[in-house]
Amino acid sequence: MVGVVGGTRPALPPADDRDPDMTPGAAPAGALMVQDIGGMVQDIDGRLWAERRERAAEERRVTLALREAILPEPGASIDLPYARIAVRYIPAGRASSLGGDWYDAAPLPDGRMFLAVGDVSGHGLPAIAEMAQLRHALLGLSMTGACPGRLLTWLNAMVLTRLDDTTATAVCGHFDPATRLFTWAQAGHLAPILVRRGGARQLGAPRGVVLGATSSLPYGVADVRLEPGDLLLMFTDGLVERRSRDIGAGVSLIMEAAVATGLGTAGADLDAGLDRLLEAIGGPNPEDDTCLLAVAVTGKGPRRP
């Protein structure tokens, strides 16, 4: 008896085998209720998963459409009298991993070519929106003709004052066709790779911190004189970084693949070579976007008056 300590437990009434909720051959009502609830749960889970997949697919479609509206045609090539420029953009395999990778290749009023690659931290629509602001800002600043270090200083000031809690990396430079001089700067970004006469090396990077980190450190500038037949590769970390390897190993793999696939050799098909390069390093990165900008120097270039 509840509430009584000690004493004799009262006898229970005899069990009645007859269940008023059962009919001969039928399952107990409780079991039927459990089956019904289980079926309802499965139906709800199925609908939730279907809705999540549909939302993820829609987000990916919107994200890719936005990127296509912001960036130049990713497979397009630019033929110049002195060089050929080709670009590859490979989106991440997962919708949630689509990020703020970007590139640019634009002629300047003085005849030089402005080249840039960058990567905004984060993923999804916020990163892409910030990428659009940085890309357009840097392209506009480049029209001043200022040196790449000054351009990154201005861009860093914009990130610090206008984009709270945002960081980004970038590498940008000018290629002068009259002198074949490539002058460049970087903000926490991977240095370009130079493929020349059957060999490849990564350029020594000038000083430069990540955009949005601090305003107290200047951005250095470096230059390299390119030769006819040279190939310059600028890229984001999605090209070289994987869960199964670190960035250093990925850079070495890129250099080996660039030589093995014949990139940089005279008369090589640049577009086909880039496709072979991407295939040789394992194809698209499922965890991150990839931008690759290649400049093949084909001649001495026009003389500036």
C-alpha atoms as a PDB file:
ATOM      1  CA  MET A   1       0.000   0.000   0.000  1.00  0.00           C
ATOM      2  CA  VAL A   2       1.411   3.314  -0.956  1.00  0.00           C
ATOM      3  CA  GLY A   3       2.383   5.451   2.028  1.00  0.00           C
ATOM      4  CA  VAL A   4       2.510   2.506   4.464  1.00  0.00           C
ATOM      5  CA  VAL A   5       5.896   1.271   5.674  1.00  0.00           C
ATOM      6  CA  GLY A   6       5.989  -2.341   6.857  1.00  0.00           C
ATOM      7  CA  GLY A   7       2.956  -4.545   7.336  1.00  0.00           C
ATOM      8  CA  THR A   8       1.623  -7.202   5.016  1.00  0.00           C
ATOM      9  CA  ARG A   9       1.285  -6.472   1.303  1.00  0.00           C
ATOM     10  CA  PRO A  10      -2.368  -6.845   0.348  1.00  0.00           C
ATOM     11  CA  ALA A  11      -3.228  -9.613  -2.041  1.00  0.00           C
ATOM     12  CA  LEU A  12      -3.549  -8.564  -5.682  1.00  0.00           C
ATOM     13  CA  PRO A  13      -6.801  -9.326  -7.458  1.00  0.00           C
ATOM     14  CA  PRO A  14      -6.691 -12.344  -9.771  1.00  0.00           C
ATOM     15  CA  ALA A  15      -5.490 -11.567 -13.265  1.00  0.00           C
ATOM     16  CA  ASP A  16      -8.101 -11.458 -15.970  1.00  0.00           C
ATOM     17  CA  ASP A  17      -6.756 -12.928 -19.199  1.00  0.00           C
ATOM     18  CA  ARG A  18      -9.527 -11.292 -21.142  1.00  0.00           C
ATOM     19  CA  ASP A  19      -8.504  -7.858 -22.522  1.00  0.00           C
ATOM     20  CA  PRO A  20     -11.500  -5.756 -23.474  1.00  0.00           C
ATOM     21  CA  ASP A  21      -9.385  -3.990 -26.146  1.00  0.00           C
ATOM     22  CA  MET A  22      -8.410  -7.232 -27.847  1.00  0.00           C
ATOM     23  CA  THR A  23     -10.215  -9.444 -30.221  1.00  0.00           C
ATOM     24  CA  PRO A  24      -9.068 -12.939 -31.070  1.00  0.00           C
ATOM     25  CA  GLY A  25      -6.009 -12.803 -33.325  1.00  0.00           C
ATOM     26  CA  ALA A  26      -5.494  -9.017 -32.923  1.00  0.00           C
ATOM     27  CA  ALA A  27      -2.413  -7.237 -31.532  1.00  0.00           C
ATOM     28  CA  PRO A  28      -2.707  -5.410 -28.190  1.00  0.00           C
ATOM     29  CA  ALA A  29      -3.943  -1.825 -28.488  1.00  0.00           C
ATOM     30  CA  GLY A  30      -0.701  -0.572 -26.963  1.00  0.00           C
ATOM     31  CA  ALA A  31       1.325  -2.339 -29.643  1.00  0.00           C
ATOM     32  CA  LEU A  32      -0.849  -0.867 -32.381  1.00  0.00           C
ATOM     33  CA  MET A  33      -0.370   2.598 -30.890  1.00  0.00           C
ATOM     34  CA  VAL A  34       3.429   2.139 -30.824  1.00  0.00           C
ATOM     35  CA  GLN A  35       3.375   1.014 -34.455  1.00  0.00           C
ATOM     36  CA  ASP A  36       1.287   4.018 -35.447  1.00  0.00           C
ATOM     37  CA  ILE A  37       3.565   6.443 -33.608  1.00  0.00           C
ATOM     38  CA  GLY A  38       6.653   4.804 -35.128  1.00  0.00           C
ATOM     39  CA  GLY A  39       5.200   5.153 -38.596  1.00  0.00           C
ATOM     40  CA  MET A  40       4.348   8.793 -37.973  1.00  0.00           C
ATOM     41  CA  VAL A  41       7.887   9.482 -36.739  1.00  0.00           C
ATOM     42  CA  GLN A  42       9.364   7.849 -39.824  1.00  0.00           C
ATOM     43  CA  ASP A  43       7.095   9.903 -42.074  1.00  0.00           C
ATOM     44  CA  ILE A  44       8.049  13.129 -40.276  1.00  0.00           C
ATOM     45  CA  ASP A  45      11.768  12.276 -40.434  1.00  0.00           C
ATOM     46  CA  GLY A  46      11.463  11.516 -44.136  1.00  0.00           C
ATOM     47  CA  ARG A  47       9.731  14.804 -44.836  1.00  0.00           C
ATOM     48  CA  LEU A  48      12.304  16.729 -42.768  1.00  0.00           C
ATOM     49  CA  TRP A  49      15.209  15.136 -44.627  1.00  0.00           C
ATOM     50  CA  ALA A  50      13.547  15.831 -47.962  1.00  0.00           C
ATOM     51  CA  GLU A  51      12.986  19.468 -46.975  1.00  0.00           C
ATOM     52  CA  ARG A  52      16.611  19.820 -45.836  1.00  0.00           C
ATOM     53  CA  ARG A  53      17.909  18.353 -49.094  1.00  0.00           C
ATOM     54  CA  GLU A  54      15.649  20.673 -51.062  1.00  0.00           C
ATOM     55  CA  ARG A  55      16.801  23.714 -49.070  1.00  0.00           C
ATOM     56  CA  ALA A  56      20.463  22.724 -49.515  1.00  0.00           C
ATOM     57  CA  ALA A  57      19.976  22.270 -53.252  1.00  0.00           C
ATOM     58  CA  GLU A  58      18.200  25.618 -53.534  1.00  0.00           C
ATOM     59  CA  GLU A  59      20.929  27.351 -51.513  1.00  0.00           C
ATOM     60  CA  ARG A  60      23.565  25.885 -53.804  1.00  0.00           C
ATOM     61  CA  ARG A  61      21.667  27.060 -56.904  1.00  0.00           C
ATOM     62  CA  VAL A  62      21.320  30.578 -55.493  1.00  0.00           C
ATOM     63  CA  THR A  63      24.946  30.666 -54.384  1.00  0.00           C
ATOM     64  CA  LEU A  64      26.298  29.521 -57.744  1.00  0.00           C
ATOM     65  CA  ALA A  65      24.006  31.925 -59.590  1.00  0.00           C
ATOM     66  CA  LEU A  66      25.286  34.788 -57.452  1.00  0.00           C
ATOM     67  CA  ARG A  67      28.886  33.800 -58.086  1.00  0.00           C
ATOM     68  CA  GLU A  68      28.279  33.616 -61.827  1.00  0.00           C
ATOM     69  CA  ALA A  69      26.770  37.099 -61.734  1.00  0.00           C
ATOM     70  CA  ILE A  70      29.792  38.487 -59.846  1.00  0.00           C
ATOM     71  CA  LEU A  71      32.753  36.717 -61.416  1.00  0.00           C
ATOM     72  CA  PRO A  72      33.865  36.615 -65.058  1.00  0.00           C
ATOM     73  CA  GLU A  73      33.187  33.469 -67.045  1.00  0.00           C
ATOM     74  CA  PRO A  74      35.319  30.864 -65.192  1.00  0.00           C
ATOM     75  CA  GLY A  75      36.357  28.955 -68.294  1.00  0.00           C
ATOM     76  CA  ALA A  76      37.026  31.989 -70.450  1.00  0.00           C
ATOM     77  CA  SER A  77      40.471  32.730 -71.888  1.00  0.00           C
ATOM     78  CA  ILE A  78      41.979  36.083 -72.816  1.00  0.00           C
ATOM     79  CA  ASP A  79      44.236  36.213 -75.856  1.00  0.00           C
ATOM     80  CA  LEU A  80      46.697  39.104 -75.925  1.00  0.00           C
ATOM     81  CA  PRO A  81      49.507  39.912 -78.341  1.00  0.00           C
ATOM     82  CA  TYR A  82      52.036  39.007 -75.665  1.00  0.00           C
ATOM     83  CA  ALA A  83      50.304  36.472 -73.424  1.00  0.00           C
ATOM     84  CA  ARG A  84      47.369  34.154 -72.971  1.00  0.00           C
ATOM     85  CA  ILE A  85      45.370  34.151 -69.753  1.00  0.00           C
ATOM     86  CA  ALA A  86      43.094  31.314 -68.659  1.00  0.00           C
ATOM     87  CA  VAL A  87      41.029  30.908 -65.503  1.00  0.00           C
ATOM     88  CA  ARG A  88      39.428  27.968 -63.762  1.00  0.00           C
ATOM     89  CA  TYR A  89      36.893  28.177 -60.946  1.00  0.00           C
ATOM     90  CA  ILE A  90      35.818  24.869 -59.400  1.00  0.00           C
ATOM     91  CA  PRO A  91      33.077  25.085 -56.749  1.00  0.00           C
ATOM     92  CA  ALA A  92      33.286  22.950 -53.633  1.00  0.00           C
ATOM     93  CA  GLY A  93      31.452  19.648 -53.745  1.00  0.00           C
ATOM     94  CA  ARG A  94      29.221  20.589 -50.810  1.00  0.00           C
ATOM     95  CA  ALA A  95      26.780  23.478 -50.886  1.00  0.00           C
ATOM     96  CA  SER A  96      27.779  24.500 -47.354  1.00  0.00           C
ATOM     97  CA  SER A  97      31.449  24.707 -48.426  1.00  0.00           C
ATOM     98  CA  LEU A  98      30.957  27.235 -51.223  1.00  0.00           C
ATOM     99  CA  GLY A  99      33.055  30.203 -50.223  1.00  0.00           C
ATOM    100  CA  GLY A 100      34.481  33.567 -51.144  1.00  0.00           C
ATOM    101  CA  ASP A 101      37.195  32.663 -53.665  1.00  0.00           C
ATOM    102  CA  TRP A 102      37.604  35.165 -56.507  1.00  0.00           C
ATOM    103  CA  TYR A 103      39.901  36.204 -59.348  1.00  0.00           C
ATOM    104  CA  ASP A 104      40.374  39.060 -61.773  1.00  0.00           C
ATOM    105  CA  ALA A 105      42.276  39.803 -64.964  1.00  0.00           C
ATOM    106  CA  ALA A 106      41.739  43.278 -66.418  1.00  0.00           C
ATOM    107  CA  PRO A 107      43.675  45.640 -68.693  1.00  0.00           C
ATOM    108  CA  LEU A 108      44.714  48.965 -67.148  1.00  0.00           C
ATOM    109  CA  PRO A 109      44.588  52.333 -68.931  1.00  0.00           C
ATOM    110  CA  ASP A 110      48.399  52.419 -69.216  1.00  0.00           C
ATOM    111  CA  GLY A 111      48.581  49.071 -71.058  1.00  0.00           C
ATOM    112  CA  ARG A 112      49.532  46.865 -68.134  1.00  0.00           C
ATOM    113  CA  MET A 113      47.459  43.863 -67.080  1.00  0.00           C
ATOM    114  CA  PHE A 114      46.049  43.680 -63.560  1.00  0.00           C
ATOM    115  CA  LEU A 115      45.911  40.147 -62.128  1.00  0.00           C
ATOM    116  CA  ALA A 116      44.445  39.116 -58.776  1.00  0.00           C
ATOM    117  CA  VAL A 117      43.251  36.107 -56.789  1.00  0.00           C
ATOM    118  CA  GLY A 118      41.692  36.215 -53.331  1.00  0.00           C
ATOM    119  CA  ASP A 119      39.786  34.284 -50.707  1.00  0.00           C
ATOM    120  CA  VAL A 120      37.371  35.609 -48.066  1.00  0.00           C
ATOM    121  CA  SER A 121      37.086  33.599 -44.850  1.00  0.00           C
ATOM    122  CA  GLY A 122      33.877  31.693 -44.227  1.00  0.00           C
ATOM    123  CA  HIS A 123      31.363  30.013 -46.476  1.00  0.00           C
ATOM    124  CA  GLY A 124      27.911  30.574 -47.873  1.00  0.00           C
ATOM    125  CA  LEU A 125      26.127  33.707 -48.995  1.00  0.00           C
ATOM    126  CA  PRO A 126      27.751  36.056 -46.406  1.00  0.00           C
ATOM    127  CA  ALA A 127      31.246  35.150 -47.654  1.00  0.00           C
ATOM    128  CA  ILE A 128      30.185  35.590 -51.281  1.00  0.00           C
ATOM    129  CA  ALA A 129      28.636  38.997 -50.552  1.00  0.00           C
ATOM    130  CA  GLU A 130      31.864  40.154 -48.885  1.00  0.00           C
ATOM    131  CA  MET A 131      33.902  38.695 -51.736  1.00  0.00           C
ATOM    132  CA  ALA A 132      31.920  40.817 -54.190  1.00  0.00           C
ATOM    133  CA  GLN A 133      32.705  43.975 -52.227  1.00  0.00           C
ATOM    134  CA  LEU A 134      36.425  43.213 -52.035  1.00  0.00           C
ATOM    135  CA  ARG A 135      36.759  42.207 -55.674  1.00  0.00           C
ATOM    136  CA  HIS A 136      34.980  45.271 -56.984  1.00  0.00           C
ATOM    137  CA  ALA A 137      36.861  47.559 -54.603  1.00  0.00           C
ATOM    138  CA  LEU A 138      40.255  46.181 -55.608  1.00  0.00           C
ATOM    139  CA  LEU A 139      39.420  46.345 -59.299  1.00  0.00           C
ATOM    140  CA  GLY A 140      38.370  49.968 -58.932  1.00  0.00           C
ATOM    141  CA  LEU A 141      41.503  50.822 -56.954  1.00  0.00           C
ATOM    142  CA  SER A 142      43.684  49.172 -59.597  1.00  0.00           C
ATOM    143  CA  MET A 143      42.581  51.794 -62.130  1.00  0.00           C
ATOM    144  CA  THR A 144      44.619  54.368 -60.198  1.00  0.00           C
ATOM    145  CA  GLY A 145      47.789  52.643 -61.415  1.00  0.00           C
ATOM    146  CA  ALA A 146      49.143  52.479 -57.846  1.00  0.00           C
ATOM    147  CA  CYS A 147      51.635  49.750 -56.946  1.00  0.00           C
ATOM    148  CA  PRO A 148      50.217  46.441 -55.648  1.00  0.00           C
ATOM    149  CA  GLY A 149      51.422  47.088 -52.088  1.00  0.00           C
ATOM    150  CA  ARG A 150      49.513  50.362 -51.969  1.00  0.00           C
ATOM    151  CA  LEU A 151      46.410  48.670 -53.387  1.00  0.00           C
ATOM    152  CA  LEU A 152      46.436  46.076 -50.595  1.00  0.00           C
ATOM    153  CA  THR A 153      46.961  48.798 -47.991  1.00  0.00           C
ATOM    154  CA  TRP A 154      43.828  50.569 -49.203  1.00  0.00           C
ATOM    155  CA  LEU A 155      41.889  47.326 -49.411  1.00  0.00           C
ATOM    156  CA  ASN A 156      42.938  46.394 -45.877  1.00  0.00           C
ATOM    157  CA  ALA A 157      41.684  49.764 -44.598  1.00  0.00           C
ATOM    158  CA  MET A 158      38.312  49.045 -46.176  1.00  0.00           C
ATOM    159  CA  VAL A 159      38.092  45.617 -44.527  1.00  0.00           C
ATOM    160  CA  LEU A 160      38.989  47.059 -41.119  1.00  0.00           C
ATOM    161  CA  THR A 161      36.495  49.912 -41.311  1.00  0.00           C
ATOM    162  CA  ARG A 162      33.601  48.515 -43.350  1.00  0.00           C
ATOM    163  CA  LEU A 163      33.559  44.728 -42.900  1.00  0.00           C
ATOM    164  CA  ASP A 164      33.431  43.791 -39.224  1.00  0.00           C
ATOM    165  CA  ASP A 165      34.890  40.419 -38.204  1.00  0.00           C
ATOM    166  CA  THR A 166      36.002  39.703 -41.764  1.00  0.00           C
ATOM    167  CA  THR A 167      39.392  38.440 -42.873  1.00  0.00           C
ATOM    168  CA  ALA A 168      40.607  37.656 -46.348  1.00  0.00           C
ATOM    169  CA  THR A 169      43.745  36.802 -48.268  1.00  0.00           C
ATOM    170  CA  ALA A 170      44.768  38.127 -51.661  1.00  0.00           C
ATOM    171  CA  VAL A 171      47.597  38.267 -54.154  1.00  0.00           C
ATOM    172  CA  CYS A 172      47.625  40.877 -56.905  1.00  0.00           C
ATOM    173  CA  GLY A 173      50.044  42.275 -59.423  1.00  0.00           C
ATOM    174  CA  HIS A 174      50.741  44.130 -62.652  1.00  0.00           C
ATOM    175  CA  PHE A 175      52.165  42.481 -65.741  1.00  0.00           C
ATOM    176  CA  ASP A 176      53.863  45.003 -68.011  1.00  0.00           C
ATOM    177  CA  PRO A 177      54.018  43.706 -71.598  1.00  0.00           C
ATOM    178  CA  ALA A 178      56.681  46.225 -72.606  1.00  0.00           C
ATOM    179  CA  THR A 179      59.162  44.985 -69.996  1.00  0.00           C
ATOM    180  CA  ARG A 180      57.602  41.555 -69.188  1.00  0.00           C
ATOM    181  CA  LEU A 181      57.930  42.568 -65.531  1.00  0.00           C
ATOM    182  CA  PHE A 182      55.416  41.111 -63.092  1.00  0.00           C
ATOM    183  CA  THR A 183      55.210  43.272 -59.960  1.00  0.00           C
ATOM    184  CA  TRP A 184      53.139  41.824 -57.140  1.00  0.00           C
ATOM    185  CA  ALA A 185      52.155  41.876 -53.481  1.00  0.00           C
ATOM    186  CA  GLN A 186      50.301  39.511 -51.188  1.00  0.00           C
ATOM    187  CA  ALA A 187      48.159  39.647 -48.041  1.00  0.00           C
ATOM    188  CA  GLY A 188      48.572  36.327 -46.236  1.00  0.00           C
ATOM    189  CA  HIS A 189      48.134  34.500 -49.524  1.00  0.00           C
ATOM    190  CA  LEU A 190      50.039  31.694 -51.224  1.00  0.00           C
ATOM    191  CA  ALA A 191      52.765  32.946 -53.571  1.00  0.00           C
ATOM    192  CA  PRO A 192      52.404  32.256 -57.311  1.00  0.00           C
ATOM    193  CA  ILE A 193      54.227  29.391 -59.024  1.00  0.00           C
ATOM    194  CA  LEU A 194      56.509  30.041 -61.991  1.00  0.00           C
ATOM    195  CA  VAL A 195      56.952  27.276 -64.572  1.00  0.00           C
ATOM    196  CA  ARG A 196      60.008  27.819 -66.780  1.00  0.00           C
ATOM    197  CA  ARG A 197      61.983  25.571 -69.144  1.00  0.00           C
ATOM    198  CA  GLY A 198      60.790  22.267 -67.723  1.00  0.00           C
ATOM    199  CA  GLY A 199      61.027  23.290 -64.065  1.00  0.00           C
ATOM    200  CA  ALA A 200      58.764  24.953 -61.509  1.00  0.00           C
ATOM    201  CA  ARG A 201      59.297  26.995 -58.357  1.00  0.00           C
ATOM    202  CA  GLN A 202      57.223  29.052 -55.990  1.00  0.00           C
ATOM    203  CA  LEU A 203      58.123  32.732 -55.946  1.00  0.00           C
ATOM    204  CA  GLY A 204      59.524  34.239 -52.760  1.00  0.00           C
ATOM    205  CA  ALA A 205      56.720  36.202 -51.122  1.00  0.00           C
ATOM    206  CA  PRO A 206      57.116  39.802 -49.959  1.00  0.00           C
ATOM    207  CA  ARG A 207      55.827  40.637 -46.481  1.00  0.00           C
ATOM    208  CA  GLY A 208      52.074  40.971 -46.114  1.00  0.00           C
ATOM    209  CA  VAL A 209      49.515  40.087 -43.439  1.00  0.00           C
ATOM    210  CA  VAL A 210      45.948  38.872 -43.855  1.00  0.00           C
ATOM    211  CA  LEU A 211      43.434  41.565 -44.762  1.00  0.00           C
ATOM    212  CA  GLY A 212      41.475  42.627 -41.697  1.00  0.00           C
ATOM    213  CA  ALA A 213      44.202  41.672 -39.193  1.00  0.00           C
ATOM    214  CA  THR A 214      45.983  44.971 -38.496  1.00  0.00           C
ATOM    215  CA  SER A 215      46.683  48.355 -40.004  1.00  0.00           C
ATOM    216  CA  SER A 216      50.178  48.733 -38.572  1.00  0.00           C
ATOM    217  CA  LEU A 217      52.146  46.478 -40.940  1.00  0.00           C
ATOM    218  CA  PRO A 218      52.995  47.560 -44.504  1.00  0.00           C
ATOM    219  CA  TYR A 219      52.670  45.393 -47.606  1.00  0.00           C
ATOM    220  CA  GLY A 220      55.880  44.695 -49.461  1.00  0.00           C
ATOM    221  CA  VAL A 221      56.325  44.411 -53.208  1.00  0.00           C
ATOM    222  CA  ALA A 222      58.323  41.927 -55.294  1.00  0.00           C
ATOM    223  CA  ASP A 223      58.900  41.550 -59.013  1.00  0.00           C
ATOM    224  CA  VAL A 224      60.066  38.969 -61.502  1.00  0.00           C
ATOM    225  CA  ARG A 225      60.855  39.370 -65.192  1.00  0.00           C
ATOM    226  CA  LEU A 226      58.978  36.795 -67.226  1.00  0.00           C
ATOM    227  CA  GLU A 227      60.317  35.260 -70.416  1.00  0.00           C
ATOM    228  CA  PRO A 228      58.534  34.019 -73.544  1.00  0.00           C
ATOM    229  CA  GLY A 229      57.395  30.481 -72.754  1.00  0.00           C
ATOM    230  CA  ASP A 230      56.993  31.142 -69.010  1.00  0.00           C
ATOM    231  CA  LEU A 231      53.809  30.190 -67.194  1.00  0.00           C
ATOM    232  CA  LEU A 232      52.630  31.962 -64.049  1.00  0.00           C
ATOM    233  CA  LEU A 233      50.071  30.244 -61.785  1.00  0.00           C
ATOM    234  CA  MET A 234      48.070  32.191 -59.191  1.00  0.00           C
ATOM    235  CA  PHE A 235      45.627  30.191 -57.051  1.00  0.00           C
ATOM    236  CA  THR A 236      43.648  29.880 -53.833  1.00  0.00           C
ATOM    237  CA  ASP A 237      44.357  27.321 -51.120  1.00  0.00           C
ATOM    238  CA  GLY A 238      41.517  25.074 -52.285  1.00  0.00           C
ATOM    239  CA  LEU A 239      43.812  23.975 -55.107  1.00  0.00           C
ATOM    240  CA  VAL A 240      46.553  22.658 -52.842  1.00  0.00           C
ATOM    241  CA  GLU A 241      44.995  21.888 -49.451  1.00  0.00           C
ATOM    242  CA  ARG A 242      43.164  18.662 -48.636  1.00  0.00           C
ATOM    243  CA  ARG A 243      42.336  16.860 -45.420  1.00  0.00           C
ATOM    244  CA  SER A 244      44.771  14.143 -46.449  1.00  0.00           C
ATOM    245  CA  ARG A 245      47.726  16.519 -47.034  1.00  0.00           C
ATOM    246  CA  ASP A 246      49.041  19.872 -45.895  1.00  0.00           C
ATOM    247  CA  ILE A 247      49.526  22.957 -48.041  1.00  0.00           C
ATOM    248  CA  GLY A 248      53.272  22.451 -48.516  1.00  0.00           C
ATOM    249  CA  ALA A 249      52.755  18.977 -49.928  1.00  0.00           C
ATOM    250  CA  GLY A 250      49.963  20.315 -52.134  1.00  0.00           C
ATOM    251  CA  VAL A 251      52.182  23.051 -53.569  1.00  0.00           C
ATOM    252  CA  SER A 252      54.875  20.486 -54.369  1.00  0.00           C
ATOM    253  CA  LEU A 253      52.266  18.317 -56.074  1.00  0.00           C
ATOM    254  CA  ILE A 254      51.112  21.272 -58.192  1.00  0.00           C
ATOM    255  CA  MET A 255      54.662  22.024 -59.329  1.00  0.00           C
ATOM    256  CA  GLU A 256      55.295  18.394 -60.233  1.00  0.00           C
ATOM    257  CA  ALA A 257      51.990  18.141 -62.101  1.00  0.00           C
ATOM    258  CA  ALA A 258      52.618  21.421 -63.979  1.00  0.00           C
ATOM    259  CA  VAL A 259      55.899  20.042 -65.308  1.00  0.00           C
ATOM    260  CA  ALA A 260      54.550  16.554 -65.994  1.00  0.00           C
ATOM    261  CA  THR A 261      51.528  17.824 -67.933  1.00  0.00           C
ATOM    262  CA  GLY A 262      53.682  20.025 -70.159  1.00  0.00           C
ATOM    263  CA  LEU A 263      52.407  23.388 -68.949  1.00  0.00           C
ATOM    264  CA  GLY A 264      54.829  26.132 -69.839  1.00  0.00           C
ATOM    265  CA  THR A 265      56.297  24.364 -72.870  1.00  0.00           C
ATOM    266  CA  ALA A 266      56.324  26.202 -76.183  1.00  0.00           C
ATOM    267  CA  GLY A 267      53.100  25.799 -78.123  1.00  0.00           C
ATOM    268  CA  ALA A 268      51.304  23.977 -75.288  1.00  0.00           C
ATOM    269  CA  ASP A 269      47.511  24.190 -75.194  1.00  0.00           C
ATOM    270  CA  LEU A 270      46.905  26.215 -72.038  1.00  0.00           C
ATOM    271  CA  ASP A 271      43.258  25.246 -71.542  1.00  0.00           C
ATOM    272  CA  ALA A 272      43.889  21.535 -72.041  1.00  0.00           C
ATOM    273  CA  GLY A 273      46.955  21.753 -69.802  1.00  0.00           C
ATOM    274  CA  LEU A 274      44.987  23.302 -66.934  1.00  0.00           C
ATOM    275  CA  ASP A 275      42.372  20.566 -67.209  1.00  0.00           C
ATOM    276  CA  ARG A 276      45.102  17.908 -67.068  1.00  0.00           C
ATOM    277  CA  LEU A 277      46.681  19.667 -64.091  1.00  0.00           C
ATOM    278  CA  LEU A 278      43.429  19.671 -62.122  1.00  0.00           C
ATOM    279  CA  GLU A 279      42.884  16.009 -62.923  1.00  0.00           C
ATOM    280  CA  ALA A 280      46.438  15.106 -61.905  1.00  0.00           C
ATOM    281  CA  ILE A 281      46.047  16.601 -58.408  1.00  0.00           C
ATOM    282  CA  GLY A 282      42.833  14.747 -57.652  1.00  0.00           C
ATOM    283  CA  GLY A 283      40.076  16.816 -59.202  1.00  0.00           C
ATOM    284  CA  PRO A 284      37.733  19.222 -57.389  1.00  0.00           C
ATOM    285  CA  ASN A 285      38.144  19.810 -53.669  1.00  0.00           C
ATOM    286  CA  PRO A 286      34.935  18.710 -51.903  1.00  0.00           C
ATOM    287  CA  GLU A 287      35.698  20.936 -48.892  1.00  0.00           C
ATOM    288  CA  ASP A 288      36.618  24.232 -50.543  1.00  0.00           C
ATOM    289  CA  ASP A 289      36.349  26.304 -53.686  1.00  0.00           C
ATOM    290  CA  THR A 290      39.293  26.543 -56.060  1.00  0.00           C
ATOM    291  CA  CYS A 291      40.414  29.458 -58.212  1.00  0.00           C
ATOM    292  CA  LEU A 292      43.292  29.091 -60.650  1.00  0.00           C
ATOM    293  CA  LEU A 293      44.579  31.898 -62.878  1.00  0.00           C
ATOM    294  CA  ALA A 294      47.284  31.083 -65.418  1.00  0.00           C
ATOM    295  CA  VAL A 295      49.332  33.499 -67.535  1.00  0.00           C
ATOM    296  CA  ALA A 296      51.315  32.037 -70.434  1.00  0.00           C
ATOM    297  CA  VAL A 297      53.820  34.519 -71.895  1.00  0.00           C
ATOM    298  CA  THR A 298      53.862  34.087 -75.669  1.00  0.00           C
ATOM    299  CA  GLY A 299      55.969  36.991 -76.924  1.00  0.00           C
ATOM    300  CA  LYS A 300      57.909  40.122 -76.128  1.00  0.00           C
ATOM    301  CA  GLY A 301      54.849  42.338 -76.143  1.00  0.00           C
ATOM    302  CA  PRO A 302      54.238  45.776 -77.591  1.00  0.00           C
ATOM    303  CA  ARG A 303      56.539  48.685 -76.846  1.00  0.00           C
ATOM    304  CA  ARG A 304      55.017  51.517 -74.879  1.00  0.00           C
ATOM    305  CA  PRO A 305      55.456  54.919 -76.593  1.00  0.00           C
END
